[in-house]
N, C-alpha and C. Protein backbone atom coordinates (compact mmCIF):
# COMPACT_ATOMS: atom_id res chain seq x y z
N MET A 1 -21.53 -36.65 2.48
CA MET A 1 -20.32 -37.45 2.36
C MET A 1 -19.61 -37.05 1.06
N ASP A 2 -18.32 -36.78 1.17
CA ASP A 2 -17.60 -36.38 -0.04
C ASP A 2 -17.03 -37.59 -0.76
N LEU A 3 -16.53 -37.36 -1.95
CA LEU A 3 -16.04 -38.43 -2.82
C LEU A 3 -14.88 -39.19 -2.19
N LYS A 4 -14.06 -38.49 -1.44
CA LYS A 4 -12.92 -39.12 -0.76
C LYS A 4 -13.43 -40.17 0.25
N GLU A 5 -14.48 -39.84 0.98
CA GLU A 5 -15.06 -40.77 1.96
C GLU A 5 -15.75 -41.94 1.27
N ILE A 6 -16.43 -41.67 0.16
CA ILE A 6 -17.09 -42.73 -0.59
C ILE A 6 -16.05 -43.72 -1.10
N MET A 7 -14.95 -43.20 -1.63
CA MET A 7 -13.90 -44.09 -2.13
C MET A 7 -13.30 -44.90 -0.98
N ALA A 8 -13.11 -44.29 0.17
CA ALA A 8 -12.55 -44.99 1.32
C ALA A 8 -13.42 -46.18 1.71
N ILE A 9 -14.72 -45.95 1.79
CA ILE A 9 -15.67 -47.01 2.17
C ILE A 9 -15.68 -48.12 1.12
N ASN A 10 -15.77 -47.74 -0.15
CA ASN A 10 -15.82 -48.74 -1.22
C ASN A 10 -14.53 -49.53 -1.32
N LEU A 11 -13.41 -48.85 -1.21
CA LEU A 11 -12.11 -49.53 -1.30
C LEU A 11 -11.99 -50.58 -0.20
N ARG A 12 -12.30 -50.19 1.02
CA ARG A 12 -12.21 -51.12 2.15
C ARG A 12 -13.15 -52.31 1.95
N ARG A 13 -14.38 -52.04 1.53
CA ARG A 13 -15.38 -53.10 1.32
C ARG A 13 -14.92 -54.08 0.23
N ILE A 14 -14.48 -53.55 -0.89
CA ILE A 14 -14.05 -54.40 -2.00
C ILE A 14 -12.80 -55.19 -1.63
N ARG A 15 -11.85 -54.52 -0.99
CA ARG A 15 -10.61 -55.20 -0.59
C ARG A 15 -10.91 -56.34 0.38
N HIS A 16 -11.75 -56.08 1.36
CA HIS A 16 -12.12 -57.13 2.32
C HIS A 16 -12.86 -58.26 1.61
N GLY A 17 -13.74 -57.91 0.67
CA GLY A 17 -14.48 -58.93 -0.07
C GLY A 17 -13.58 -59.85 -0.86
N LYS A 18 -12.44 -59.33 -1.28
CA LYS A 18 -11.48 -60.14 -2.04
C LYS A 18 -10.42 -60.75 -1.13
N LYS A 19 -10.61 -60.55 0.18
CA LYS A 19 -9.73 -61.11 1.20
C LYS A 19 -8.27 -60.72 0.99
N LEU A 20 -8.07 -59.44 0.70
CA LEU A 20 -6.72 -58.91 0.51
C LEU A 20 -6.35 -58.02 1.69
N THR A 21 -5.09 -58.07 2.09
CA THR A 21 -4.59 -57.12 3.08
C THR A 21 -4.21 -55.83 2.36
N GLN A 22 -4.00 -54.79 3.12
CA GLN A 22 -3.53 -53.54 2.52
C GLN A 22 -2.17 -53.76 1.86
N GLU A 23 -1.35 -54.57 2.46
CA GLU A 23 -0.02 -54.86 1.90
C GLU A 23 -0.13 -55.58 0.56
N GLU A 24 -1.04 -56.55 0.48
CA GLU A 24 -1.22 -57.28 -0.78
C GLU A 24 -1.75 -56.36 -1.87
N LEU A 25 -2.71 -55.51 -1.53
CA LEU A 25 -3.23 -54.56 -2.51
C LEU A 25 -2.15 -53.58 -2.93
N ALA A 26 -1.36 -53.12 -1.98
CA ALA A 26 -0.27 -52.20 -2.29
C ALA A 26 0.69 -52.83 -3.29
N ASP A 27 1.03 -54.08 -3.06
CA ASP A 27 1.95 -54.78 -3.95
C ASP A 27 1.36 -54.91 -5.35
N ARG A 28 0.09 -55.28 -5.43
CA ARG A 28 -0.58 -55.45 -6.74
C ARG A 28 -0.72 -54.13 -7.49
N SER A 29 -0.86 -53.03 -6.76
CA SER A 29 -1.11 -51.73 -7.40
C SER A 29 0.14 -50.86 -7.50
N SER A 30 1.28 -51.38 -7.06
CA SER A 30 2.55 -50.64 -7.08
C SER A 30 2.47 -49.35 -6.26
N LEU A 31 1.76 -49.43 -5.14
CA LEU A 31 1.64 -48.30 -4.22
C LEU A 31 2.14 -48.77 -2.86
N SER A 32 2.30 -47.85 -1.92
CA SER A 32 2.72 -48.27 -0.58
C SER A 32 1.49 -48.63 0.26
N ALA A 33 1.70 -49.53 1.20
CA ALA A 33 0.62 -49.92 2.11
C ALA A 33 0.18 -48.71 2.94
N ARG A 34 1.10 -47.86 3.27
CA ARG A 34 0.79 -46.65 4.04
C ARG A 34 -0.16 -45.75 3.24
N TYR A 35 0.06 -45.63 1.94
CA TYR A 35 -0.80 -44.81 1.08
C TYR A 35 -2.18 -45.44 0.94
N ILE A 36 -2.25 -46.76 0.78
CA ILE A 36 -3.53 -47.46 0.71
C ILE A 36 -4.31 -47.20 2.00
N GLY A 37 -3.63 -47.30 3.13
CA GLY A 37 -4.28 -47.03 4.42
C GLY A 37 -4.79 -45.61 4.52
N ALA A 38 -4.02 -44.66 4.03
CA ALA A 38 -4.45 -43.26 4.07
C ALA A 38 -5.68 -43.03 3.20
N ILE A 39 -5.75 -43.70 2.06
CA ILE A 39 -6.93 -43.59 1.20
C ILE A 39 -8.13 -44.21 1.90
N GLU A 40 -7.95 -45.36 2.54
CA GLU A 40 -9.05 -46.03 3.24
C GLU A 40 -9.55 -45.24 4.44
N ARG A 41 -8.71 -44.42 5.02
CA ARG A 41 -9.12 -43.56 6.14
C ARG A 41 -9.64 -42.21 5.66
N ALA A 42 -9.62 -42.00 4.35
CA ALA A 42 -10.04 -40.73 3.73
C ALA A 42 -9.15 -39.58 4.19
N ASP A 43 -7.89 -39.90 4.47
CA ASP A 43 -6.92 -38.86 4.84
C ASP A 43 -6.37 -38.15 3.62
N VAL A 44 -6.36 -38.84 2.48
CA VAL A 44 -5.84 -38.27 1.24
C VAL A 44 -6.83 -38.53 0.11
N SER A 45 -6.75 -37.72 -0.91
CA SER A 45 -7.54 -37.93 -2.12
C SER A 45 -6.66 -38.61 -3.15
N ALA A 46 -7.16 -39.69 -3.71
CA ALA A 46 -6.40 -40.40 -4.74
C ALA A 46 -6.56 -39.71 -6.08
N SER A 47 -5.48 -39.65 -6.84
CA SER A 47 -5.55 -39.10 -8.19
C SER A 47 -6.27 -40.08 -9.10
N VAL A 48 -6.62 -39.63 -10.27
CA VAL A 48 -7.27 -40.50 -11.25
C VAL A 48 -6.33 -41.65 -11.63
N THR A 49 -5.06 -41.37 -11.71
CA THR A 49 -4.07 -42.41 -12.03
C THR A 49 -4.07 -43.48 -10.95
N VAL A 50 -4.05 -43.07 -9.69
CA VAL A 50 -4.04 -44.01 -8.57
C VAL A 50 -5.36 -44.78 -8.53
N LEU A 51 -6.46 -44.10 -8.78
CA LEU A 51 -7.76 -44.76 -8.85
C LEU A 51 -7.71 -45.90 -9.86
N GLY A 52 -7.13 -45.64 -11.02
CA GLY A 52 -7.00 -46.65 -12.05
C GLY A 52 -6.11 -47.81 -11.63
N GLN A 53 -5.00 -47.51 -10.96
CA GLN A 53 -4.09 -48.57 -10.50
C GLN A 53 -4.79 -49.48 -9.49
N ILE A 54 -5.54 -48.87 -8.57
CA ILE A 54 -6.24 -49.65 -7.55
C ILE A 54 -7.34 -50.48 -8.18
N ALA A 55 -8.12 -49.88 -9.08
CA ALA A 55 -9.20 -50.60 -9.74
C ALA A 55 -8.65 -51.80 -10.51
N GLU A 56 -7.55 -51.60 -11.21
CA GLU A 56 -6.94 -52.70 -11.97
C GLU A 56 -6.45 -53.80 -11.03
N ALA A 57 -5.84 -53.41 -9.93
CA ALA A 57 -5.34 -54.39 -8.96
C ALA A 57 -6.48 -55.19 -8.33
N LEU A 58 -7.64 -54.56 -8.17
CA LEU A 58 -8.80 -55.23 -7.58
C LEU A 58 -9.67 -55.91 -8.64
N ASP A 59 -9.35 -55.68 -9.90
CA ASP A 59 -10.12 -56.23 -11.02
C ASP A 59 -11.58 -55.77 -10.97
N VAL A 60 -11.75 -54.44 -10.78
CA VAL A 60 -13.08 -53.83 -10.78
C VAL A 60 -13.06 -52.62 -11.70
N ASP A 61 -14.23 -52.18 -12.10
CA ASP A 61 -14.35 -50.95 -12.87
C ASP A 61 -14.05 -49.78 -11.93
N PRO A 62 -13.29 -48.79 -12.35
CA PRO A 62 -12.97 -47.66 -11.47
C PRO A 62 -14.22 -46.99 -10.88
N ALA A 63 -15.32 -47.01 -11.62
CA ALA A 63 -16.55 -46.39 -11.12
C ALA A 63 -17.04 -47.04 -9.83
N GLU A 64 -16.74 -48.33 -9.63
CA GLU A 64 -17.17 -49.02 -8.41
C GLU A 64 -16.52 -48.40 -7.17
N LEU A 65 -15.38 -47.78 -7.34
CA LEU A 65 -14.68 -47.19 -6.20
C LEU A 65 -15.24 -45.82 -5.82
N VAL A 66 -15.92 -45.17 -6.74
CA VAL A 66 -16.39 -43.81 -6.45
C VAL A 66 -17.90 -43.64 -6.52
N THR A 67 -18.63 -44.75 -6.67
CA THR A 67 -20.08 -44.68 -6.74
C THR A 67 -20.67 -44.87 -5.34
N LYS A 68 -21.51 -43.95 -4.94
CA LYS A 68 -22.15 -44.03 -3.62
C LYS A 68 -23.15 -45.16 -3.59
N SER A 69 -23.06 -45.99 -2.55
CA SER A 69 -24.02 -47.09 -2.37
C SER A 69 -25.37 -46.52 -1.97
N ARG A 70 -26.41 -47.20 -2.40
CA ARG A 70 -27.76 -46.73 -2.07
C ARG A 70 -28.35 -47.45 -0.93
């Protein structure tokens, strides 16, 4: 599993855990809902800047988005 897929899984899990829609997360992170969806499907790789924006919007450490679950 590559880092893009790990981030997709973690992002979806964390977002659902916080009961946020893709649209709500997009608004909080100043990104488009379409882009959030593409990241969650592992269609695109997020830049470090975007990783930081998403982590801040979710109130998590950026490492939580890219750390493989055991």
